[in-house]
């Protein structure tokens, strides 16, 4: 079969290859459930390279063991310690630790009093939880298209959407710091104020990320300078890993108190809030809440992970820079991300013409890239609500070409070189 040249016209690999690697591919015979669990015919010289993974150190292990040996496995002092440290890191008054990022989103929509039929705007290029949290409260998800350069919710498209409807049609907006790119919440806040809307920032991808506002002030993702609430996730592929876990941040004391109540079944022991008081043991369920608590074991892990957050962010930026340098050195049909200094690089996303072919090529070479995300409005659940392919053409075009390359702090230079060489070989074979 004739080989397929995927390079641009006239491109040739130099005789002195960019990467000198001793990695030799030995194929696997089975990949299970789109993950990198494998059955091998023979020993691999190099372990599989995923798109993301956690980094657990001895300090993390010691902290978890110490928590297991303590008097509290949950509802103990490790929670407040983690919350306070995280709030200080982000630069916000209050932080509420919860069981996962989805729980964080759900509690936020509850705190903002989303009611059945309320319309809330968000992006289709996000993990579905950013939209699902609206549905949990019976609200109506209204997607709006993305900026083709940043892949973030486009504020001007949202403005057009709002201006097409009477004031009061919509209740809020959930912008997402997709891939680690900090969305400019100052512009969204101005628009929200014009239409009496609240803002919930989905910052799951962006602890440590920031944007510069019109006053040249650095605004950390999740600091609630412009959003009413912000949420984070501590899933293993995120910057901070607790297995499962999440955090809500805010500067609003009333919202903070509401979140703390809803996180624990709607139950309070606060003497000042009790309607009756039968004794020290007495508590009241004052609202219908959930058990969305984080355990002390997870909080202990989160606290030690947080200490290395800046170190991990620095390494992510180094990896992104190495990808940039490698791909810009050749005339390839690869579109690399455009980003500013405040990018947190949860993901490094390229766009290519034949994404599926490159994806399969990487998997055949033990590199497990990923696709972020399938547009939420094309999911069967949202199709059943009336959405269809073609509704958000910019998001759909992005999806056809996007591919997330390995990006995590413990990715070695040798492993990254192997990823880069495998991609270069694909485009020149």
Protein backbone atom coordinates (compact mmCIF):
# COMPACT_ATOMS: atom_id res chain seq x y z
CA UNK A 1 0.00 0.00 0.00
CA UNK A 2 1.24 3.45 -0.88
CA UNK A 3 2.28 5.45 2.18
CA UNK A 4 0.25 8.52 3.04
CA UNK A 5 2.23 11.75 3.35
CA UNK A 6 0.64 13.89 6.08
CA UNK A 7 3.23 16.65 6.00
CA UNK A 8 2.85 19.98 4.27
CA UNK A 9 4.25 20.37 0.79
CA UNK A 10 8.00 19.98 0.53
CA UNK A 11 8.54 18.94 4.16
CA UNK A 12 11.22 16.34 4.94
CA UNK A 13 12.56 15.05 8.21
CA UNK A 14 16.18 16.16 8.69
CA UNK A 15 18.78 13.42 8.64
CA UNK A 16 19.77 14.39 12.17
CA UNK A 17 16.42 13.68 13.81
CA UNK A 18 15.03 16.09 16.39
CA UNK A 19 14.80 13.36 18.99
CA UNK A 20 17.30 10.66 19.77
CA UNK A 21 15.36 8.00 21.62
CA UNK A 22 16.11 4.42 22.57
CA UNK A 23 12.47 3.58 23.12
CA UNK A 24 11.34 0.52 21.18
CA UNK A 25 7.69 -0.27 20.67
CA UNK A 26 6.38 -3.70 21.62
CA UNK A 27 2.65 -3.88 20.83
CA UNK A 28 -0.08 -4.95 23.19
CA UNK A 29 -2.97 -7.20 22.24
CA UNK A 30 -5.80 -5.74 24.30
CA UNK A 31 -6.95 -2.33 25.50
CA UNK A 32 -9.90 -2.37 27.88
CA UNK A 33 -12.63 0.31 28.15
CA UNK A 34 -10.70 3.09 26.44
CA UNK A 35 -8.09 3.04 29.19
CA UNK A 36 -4.50 1.90 29.38
CA UNK A 37 -5.07 -1.38 31.23
CA UNK A 38 -3.37 -3.93 28.99
CA UNK A 39 -2.64 -7.59 28.39
CA UNK A 40 0.88 -7.84 26.99
CA UNK A 41 2.44 -10.51 24.79
CA UNK A 42 5.89 -9.57 26.00
CA UNK A 43 7.58 -7.10 28.28
CA UNK A 44 7.45 -3.46 27.28
CA UNK A 45 10.62 -1.38 27.29
CA UNK A 46 8.46 1.62 28.24
CA UNK A 47 5.27 1.66 30.23
CA UNK A 48 2.10 3.05 28.61
CA UNK A 49 1.93 6.85 28.50
CA UNK A 50 -1.54 8.16 29.45
CA UNK A 51 -2.84 11.65 28.75
CA UNK A 52 -2.85 12.41 32.49
CA UNK A 53 -2.13 10.79 35.83
CA UNK A 54 -1.74 11.48 39.53
CA UNK A 55 1.56 11.98 41.34
CA UNK A 56 1.59 10.32 44.78
CA UNK A 57 4.69 10.86 46.92
CA UNK A 58 5.84 9.39 50.22
CA UNK A 59 4.69 12.60 51.91
CA UNK A 60 1.18 11.95 50.58
CA UNK A 61 1.23 8.36 51.79
CA UNK A 62 2.49 9.39 55.24
CA UNK A 63 -0.28 11.99 55.53
CA UNK A 64 -2.96 9.44 54.64
CA UNK A 65 -1.56 6.88 57.08
CA UNK A 66 -1.47 9.53 59.82
CA UNK A 67 -5.10 10.35 59.08
CA UNK A 68 -6.06 6.68 59.27
CA UNK A 69 -4.38 6.48 62.67
CA UNK A 70 -6.15 9.58 63.98
CA UNK A 71 -9.46 9.84 65.85
CA UNK A 72 -11.31 11.14 62.79
CA UNK A 73 -11.81 9.49 59.43
CA UNK A 74 -14.44 12.06 58.46
CA UNK A 75 -15.89 15.32 59.81
CA UNK A 76 -12.63 16.00 61.61
CA UNK A 77 -10.00 18.78 61.70
CA UNK A 78 -8.30 17.77 58.44
CA UNK A 79 -11.24 19.20 56.49
CA UNK A 80 -10.94 22.74 57.83
CA UNK A 81 -7.15 22.60 57.49
CA UNK A 82 -7.45 21.73 53.79
CA UNK A 83 -10.20 24.30 53.21
CA UNK A 84 -8.23 27.10 54.83
CA UNK A 85 -5.03 26.26 52.96
CA UNK A 86 -6.88 26.07 49.65
CA UNK A 87 -8.66 29.38 50.24
CA UNK A 88 -5.30 31.02 50.94
CA UNK A 89 -3.79 29.48 47.79
CA UNK A 90 -6.61 30.77 45.59
CA UNK A 91 -6.93 34.11 47.38
CA UNK A 92 -10.55 33.84 48.48
CA UNK A 93 -12.37 34.19 51.82
CA UNK A 94 -14.20 30.87 52.00
CA UNK A 95 -13.69 27.32 50.75
CA UNK A 96 -16.04 24.35 51.16
CA UNK A 97 -14.62 20.86 50.60
CA UNK A 98 -17.01 18.37 48.98
CA UNK A 99 -17.03 14.82 47.66
CA UNK A 100 -16.32 15.67 43.99
CA UNK A 101 -16.53 18.41 41.39
CA UNK A 102 -20.00 17.35 40.28
CA UNK A 103 -21.28 17.64 43.85
CA UNK A 104 -19.67 21.09 43.97
CA UNK A 105 -21.60 22.15 40.87
CA UNK A 106 -24.85 20.73 42.19
CA UNK A 107 -24.50 22.54 45.52
CA UNK A 108 -23.73 25.77 43.68
CA UNK A 109 -26.88 25.60 41.56
CA UNK A 110 -28.86 24.82 44.72
CA UNK A 111 -27.27 27.77 46.54
CA UNK A 112 -28.15 30.04 43.60
CA UNK A 113 -31.73 28.76 43.92
CA UNK A 114 -32.09 27.27 40.44
CA UNK A 115 -35.72 26.22 40.08
CA UNK A 116 -37.56 24.03 37.57
CA UNK A 117 -37.70 25.84 34.23
CA UNK A 118 -34.95 28.35 35.04
CA UNK A 119 -32.69 28.90 32.03
CA UNK A 120 -28.92 28.83 32.63
CA UNK A 121 -26.24 29.31 29.97
CA UNK A 122 -23.08 27.24 29.63
CA UNK A 123 -20.64 25.93 27.02
CA UNK A 124 -21.06 22.68 25.07
CA UNK A 125 -17.28 22.07 25.24
CA UNK A 126 -17.00 20.86 28.81
CA UNK A 127 -17.47 17.73 30.85
CA UNK A 128 -21.22 17.14 31.01
CA UNK A 129 -21.39 17.87 34.75
CA UNK A 130 -21.16 21.61 33.97
CA UNK A 131 -24.56 21.30 32.30
CA UNK A 132 -26.03 18.43 34.32
CA UNK A 133 -25.93 20.43 37.56
CA UNK A 134 -28.60 22.70 36.09
CA UNK A 135 -30.79 19.71 35.27
CA UNK A 136 -30.38 18.29 38.81
CA UNK A 137 -32.37 21.32 39.99
CA UNK A 138 -34.90 21.02 37.16
CA UNK A 139 -33.42 23.97 35.28
CA UNK A 140 -33.13 24.29 31.51
CA UNK A 141 -29.64 24.13 30.00
CA UNK A 142 -29.03 26.69 27.27
CA UNK A 143 -25.78 26.07 25.44
CA UNK A 144 -23.87 28.86 23.71
CA UNK A 145 -21.02 28.47 21.23
CA UNK A 146 -17.29 28.87 21.84
CA UNK A 147 -14.56 31.22 20.69
CA UNK A 148 -12.69 29.37 17.88
CA UNK A 149 -9.32 30.63 19.13
CA UNK A 150 -9.57 29.95 22.86
CA UNK A 151 -12.25 27.19 22.87
CA UNK A 152 -13.88 29.06 25.78
CA UNK A 153 -17.46 30.28 26.02
CA UNK A 154 -17.66 33.29 23.70
CA UNK A 155 -18.92 36.32 25.62
CA UNK A 156 -20.11 38.07 22.46
CA UNK A 157 -22.20 35.09 21.37
CA UNK A 158 -23.68 34.99 24.88
CA UNK A 159 -24.42 38.71 24.60
CA UNK A 160 -26.26 38.15 21.34
CA UNK A 161 -28.23 35.31 22.93
CA UNK A 162 -29.25 37.48 25.87
CA UNK A 163 -30.25 40.43 23.70
CA UNK A 164 -32.57 38.22 21.64
CA UNK A 165 -34.71 37.54 24.72
CA UNK A 166 -36.55 39.71 27.24
CA UNK A 167 -34.66 40.59 30.40
CA UNK A 168 -35.35 37.96 33.04
CA UNK A 169 -35.41 35.04 30.59
CA UNK A 170 -32.13 33.69 31.96
CA UNK A 171 -30.97 33.26 35.55
CA UNK A 172 -27.23 32.67 35.32
CA UNK A 173 -24.12 31.68 33.38
CA UNK A 174 -21.60 28.90 34.07
CA UNK A 175 -18.34 29.76 32.24
CA UNK A 176 -15.62 27.09 32.19
CA UNK A 177 -11.83 27.53 32.41
CA UNK A 178 -11.47 24.84 29.78
CA UNK A 179 -8.13 22.98 29.56
CA UNK A 180 -6.68 25.40 32.13
CA UNK A 181 -7.27 28.59 30.13
CA UNK A 182 -8.62 31.28 32.45
CA UNK A 183 -11.78 32.79 31.02
CA UNK A 184 -12.06 36.58 31.38
CA UNK A 185 -14.72 36.78 34.05
CA UNK A 186 -14.55 40.57 34.20
CA UNK A 187 -16.27 40.75 30.81
CA UNK A 188 -18.80 38.13 31.84
CA UNK A 189 -19.49 39.93 35.13
CA UNK A 190 -20.25 43.17 33.30
CA UNK A 191 -22.61 41.33 30.96
CA UNK A 192 -24.21 39.44 33.85
CA UNK A 193 -24.84 42.64 35.78
CA UNK A 194 -26.55 44.18 32.75
CA UNK A 195 -29.00 41.26 32.71
CA UNK A 196 -29.27 40.52 36.45
CA UNK A 197 -27.54 37.13 36.18
CA UNK A 198 -25.34 35.24 38.60
CA UNK A 199 -22.02 33.57 37.65
CA UNK A 200 -20.64 30.19 38.69
CA UNK A 201 -17.07 29.64 37.49
CA UNK A 202 -16.16 26.04 36.66
CA UNK A 203 -12.44 26.17 37.45
CA UNK A 204 -11.88 22.40 37.64
CA UNK A 205 -9.09 22.63 35.06
CA UNK A 206 -7.42 25.73 36.41
CA UNK A 207 -6.14 25.89 40.01
CA UNK A 208 -3.17 28.25 39.77
CA UNK A 209 -4.47 29.78 36.55
CA UNK A 210 -5.25 33.46 36.21
CA UNK A 211 -6.17 36.31 33.87
CA UNK A 212 -5.27 40.00 33.94
CA UNK A 213 -8.24 42.33 34.28
CA UNK A 214 -8.72 45.83 32.84
CA UNK A 215 -6.94 47.35 35.84
CA UNK A 216 -3.87 45.19 35.15
CA UNK A 217 -4.64 43.15 38.25
CA UNK A 218 -3.97 39.42 38.37
CA UNK A 219 -7.20 37.52 39.00
CA UNK A 220 -6.72 33.93 40.13
CA UNK A 221 -9.16 31.36 38.84
CA UNK A 222 -11.70 30.74 41.56
CA UNK A 223 -10.99 33.86 43.64
CA UNK A 224 -14.62 35.00 43.22
CA UNK A 225 -13.62 38.57 42.41
CA UNK A 226 -16.19 38.46 39.61
CA UNK A 227 -18.09 35.17 40.02
CA UNK A 228 -20.51 34.46 42.85
CA UNK A 229 -19.12 30.95 43.28
CA UNK A 230 -16.35 28.83 41.78
CA UNK A 231 -15.72 25.10 41.83
CA UNK A 232 -12.71 22.78 41.58
CA UNK A 233 -12.19 19.04 41.12
CA UNK A 234 -9.58 16.79 42.72
CA UNK A 235 -9.96 13.85 40.35
CA UNK A 236 -6.63 11.99 39.84
CA UNK A 237 -5.83 13.65 36.49
CA UNK A 238 -6.30 17.15 37.95
CA UNK A 239 -3.58 19.37 39.43
CA UNK A 240 -4.48 18.30 42.97
CA UNK A 241 -5.62 14.71 43.50
CA UNK A 242 -7.62 13.27 46.38
CA UNK A 243 -9.00 10.23 44.51
CA UNK A 244 -12.37 11.91 44.31
CA UNK A 245 -13.02 15.34 45.74
CA UNK A 246 -13.97 18.92 45.04
CA UNK A 247 -13.99 22.44 46.46
CA UNK A 248 -16.29 25.44 46.25
CA UNK A 249 -14.89 28.94 46.76
CA UNK A 250 -16.69 32.22 47.42
CA UNK A 251 -16.38 35.60 49.10
CA UNK A 252 -20.05 35.62 50.08
CA UNK A 253 -20.66 34.61 53.71
CA UNK A 254 -24.35 33.95 53.14
CA UNK A 255 -23.61 31.58 50.26
CA UNK A 256 -20.84 29.94 52.30
CA UNK A 257 -23.21 29.18 55.17
CA UNK A 258 -25.81 27.83 52.76
CA UNK A 259 -23.26 25.52 51.11
CA UNK A 260 -22.08 24.18 54.47
CA UNK A 261 -25.68 23.38 55.38
CA UNK A 262 -26.53 21.70 52.07
CA UNK A 263 -23.29 19.67 52.09
CA UNK A 264 -24.41 17.82 55.24
CA UNK A 265 -28.04 16.81 54.67
CA UNK A 266 -29.29 20.33 55.44
CA UNK A 267 -28.51 19.65 59.10
CA UNK A 268 -27.15 22.23 61.54
CA UNK A 269 -26.02 22.21 65.18
CA UNK A 270 -25.47 25.97 65.25
CA UNK A 271 -27.27 27.20 68.41
CA UNK A 272 -28.03 30.56 66.81
CA UNK A 273 -29.85 28.88 63.91
CA UNK A 274 -31.82 26.25 65.83
CA UNK A 275 -35.58 26.71 66.04
CA UNK A 276 -35.62 24.61 69.22
CA UNK A 277 -32.91 23.34 71.58
CA UNK A 278 -33.39 20.13 73.55
CA UNK A 279 -29.78 19.85 74.72
CA UNK A 280 -26.17 19.58 73.58
CA UNK A 281 -27.02 16.58 71.34
CA UNK A 282 -29.74 18.46 69.48
CA UNK A 283 -29.59 19.22 65.75
CA UNK A 284 -32.09 20.17 63.09
CA UNK A 285 -32.55 19.36 59.43
CA UNK A 286 -33.65 22.73 58.11
CA UNK A 287 -33.35 22.09 54.36
CA UNK A 288 -33.21 19.09 52.04
CA UNK A 289 -29.48 18.63 51.55
CA UNK A 290 -27.10 15.83 50.62
CA UNK A 291 -24.16 13.92 52.01
CA UNK A 292 -21.54 15.59 49.83
CA UNK A 293 -18.78 15.59 52.45
CA UNK A 294 -15.10 14.96 51.82
CA UNK A 295 -13.40 12.57 54.26
CA UNK A 296 -10.44 13.50 56.49
CA UNK A 297 -8.41 10.86 54.65
CA UNK A 298 -8.95 12.63 51.35
CA UNK A 299 -8.42 16.06 52.91
CA UNK A 300 -5.09 14.94 54.35
CA UNK A 301 -4.01 13.86 50.87
CA UNK A 302 -5.29 17.12 49.41
CA UNK A 303 -3.29 19.19 51.87
CA UNK A 304 0.02 17.57 50.93
CA UNK A 305 -0.85 17.68 47.23
CA UNK A 306 -1.60 21.40 47.57
CA UNK A 307 1.91 22.04 48.88
CA UNK A 308 3.27 20.88 45.49
CA UNK A 309 0.68 22.66 43.35
CA UNK A 310 3.02 25.43 42.16
CA UNK A 311 5.77 22.92 41.43
CA UNK A 312 3.38 20.84 39.34
CA UNK A 313 2.09 23.91 37.50
CA UNK A 314 5.65 24.94 36.65
CA UNK A 315 6.33 21.50 35.18
CA UNK A 316 3.11 21.58 33.15
CA UNK A 317 4.21 24.86 31.58
CA UNK A 318 7.62 23.36 30.78
CA UNK A 319 5.96 20.42 29.03
CA UNK A 320 3.72 22.78 27.03
CA UNK A 321 6.76 24.83 25.99
CA UNK A 322 8.58 21.69 24.81
CA UNK A 323 5.57 20.66 22.71
CA UNK A 324 5.38 24.17 21.26
CA UNK A 325 9.05 24.19 20.31
CA UNK A 326 8.92 20.73 18.76
CA UNK A 327 5.85 21.33 16.61
CA UNK A 328 6.80 24.86 15.55
CA UNK A 329 10.14 23.59 14.24
CA UNK A 330 8.41 21.74 11.40
CA UNK A 331 5.79 22.68 8.84
CA UNK A 332 3.16 20.25 10.02
CA UNK A 333 -0.62 20.24 9.79
CA UNK A 334 -0.89 20.70 13.54
CA UNK A 335 -2.67 23.59 15.19
CA UNK A 336 -1.23 24.16 18.66
CA UNK A 337 -3.08 25.95 21.46
CA UNK A 338 -3.00 29.71 21.82
CA UNK A 339 -2.61 30.71 25.43
CA UNK A 340 -1.45 33.44 27.78
CA UNK A 341 0.77 33.43 30.84
CA UNK A 342 -2.09 32.48 33.13
CA UNK A 343 -2.85 29.12 31.47
CA UNK A 344 -2.81 26.27 34.00
CA UNK A 345 -2.35 23.50 31.38
CA UNK A 346 -4.61 20.80 32.68
CA UNK A 347 -4.64 19.77 29.01
CA UNK A 348 -2.44 20.36 25.97
CA UNK A 349 -4.80 20.17 23.00
CA UNK A 350 -3.72 20.09 19.38
CA UNK A 351 -5.97 20.11 16.33
CA UNK A 352 -5.26 17.92 13.34
CA UNK A 353 -7.05 17.06 10.11
CA UNK A 354 -7.39 13.31 10.65
CA UNK A 355 -7.77 13.08 14.42
CA UNK A 356 -8.98 9.48 14.52
CA UNK A 357 -6.06 8.20 12.47
CA UNK A 358 -3.49 9.98 14.64
CA UNK A 359 -5.30 8.85 17.79
CA UNK A 360 -5.11 5.22 16.66
CA UNK A 361 -1.47 5.63 15.60
CA UNK A 362 -0.57 6.87 19.07
CA UNK A 363 -2.44 4.02 20.76
CA UNK A 364 -0.62 1.51 18.58
CA UNK A 365 2.56 3.03 19.97
CA UNK A 366 1.43 2.84 23.60
CA UNK A 367 0.53 6.54 23.87
CA UNK A 368 -2.96 7.08 25.20
CA UNK A 369 -4.08 10.50 24.04
CA UNK A 370 -7.67 11.56 24.75
CA UNK A 371 -10.44 13.69 23.25
CA UNK A 372 -11.83 16.61 25.28
CA UNK A 373 -14.74 16.92 24.81
CA UNK A 374 -17.59 15.44 22.83
CA UNK A 375 -19.94 18.45 22.61
CA UNK A 376 -22.46 18.06 25.41
CA UNK A 377 -25.43 18.98 23.23
CA UNK A 378 -24.76 15.96 20.98
CA UNK A 379 -25.12 13.49 23.86
CA UNK A 380 -28.29 11.35 23.59
CA UNK A 381 -29.71 12.81 26.81
CA UNK A 382 -29.52 16.37 25.48
CA UNK A 383 -30.69 15.31 22.02
CA UNK A 384 -33.80 14.01 23.74
CA UNK A 385 -34.30 17.52 25.11
CA UNK A 386 -34.30 18.96 21.61
CA UNK A 387 -30.67 19.70 20.81
CA UNK A 388 -29.16 18.42 17.57
CA UNK A 389 -25.97 18.36 15.59
CA UNK A 390 -25.48 21.66 13.82
CA UNK A 391 -26.74 23.81 16.71
CA UNK A 392 -23.23 24.96 17.70
CA UNK A 393 -21.00 24.73 14.62
CA UNK A 394 -17.83 26.17 16.16
CA UNK A 395 -17.90 23.65 19.02
CA UNK A 396 -18.62 20.81 16.60
CA UNK A 397 -15.78 21.79 14.27
CA UNK A 398 -13.41 21.97 17.23
CA UNK A 399 -14.48 18.48 18.33
CA UNK A 400 -13.77 16.98 14.91
CA UNK A 401 -10.09 17.91 15.14
CA UNK A 402 -9.09 18.09 18.83
CA UNK A 403 -6.67 15.73 20.57
CA UNK A 404 -5.24 15.98 24.10
CA UNK A 405 -1.59 14.92 24.35
CA UNK A 406 0.06 13.54 27.51
CA UNK A 407 0.31 16.33 30.08
CA UNK A 408 1.15 15.70 33.73
CA UNK A 409 4.05 16.75 36.01
CA UNK A 410 5.74 13.35 36.18
CA UNK A 411 5.86 12.97 32.39
CA UNK A 412 9.61 12.64 31.78
CA UNK A 413 11.48 14.41 29.02
CA UNK A 414 12.28 11.03 27.51
CA UNK A 415 8.61 10.04 27.48
CA UNK A 416 7.60 13.36 25.98
CA UNK A 417 10.32 13.06 23.35
CA UNK A 418 8.88 9.68 22.42
CA UNK A 419 5.39 11.22 22.09
CA UNK A 420 6.74 14.00 19.89
CA UNK A 421 8.78 11.66 17.69
CA UNK A 422 5.78 9.35 17.24
CA UNK A 423 3.68 12.31 16.08
CA UNK A 424 6.41 13.56 13.76
CA UNK A 425 6.80 10.09 12.27
CA UNK A 426 3.04 9.94 11.67
CA UNK A 427 3.08 13.16 9.67
CA UNK A 428 6.04 12.10 7.52
CA UNK A 429 5.44 8.43 6.83
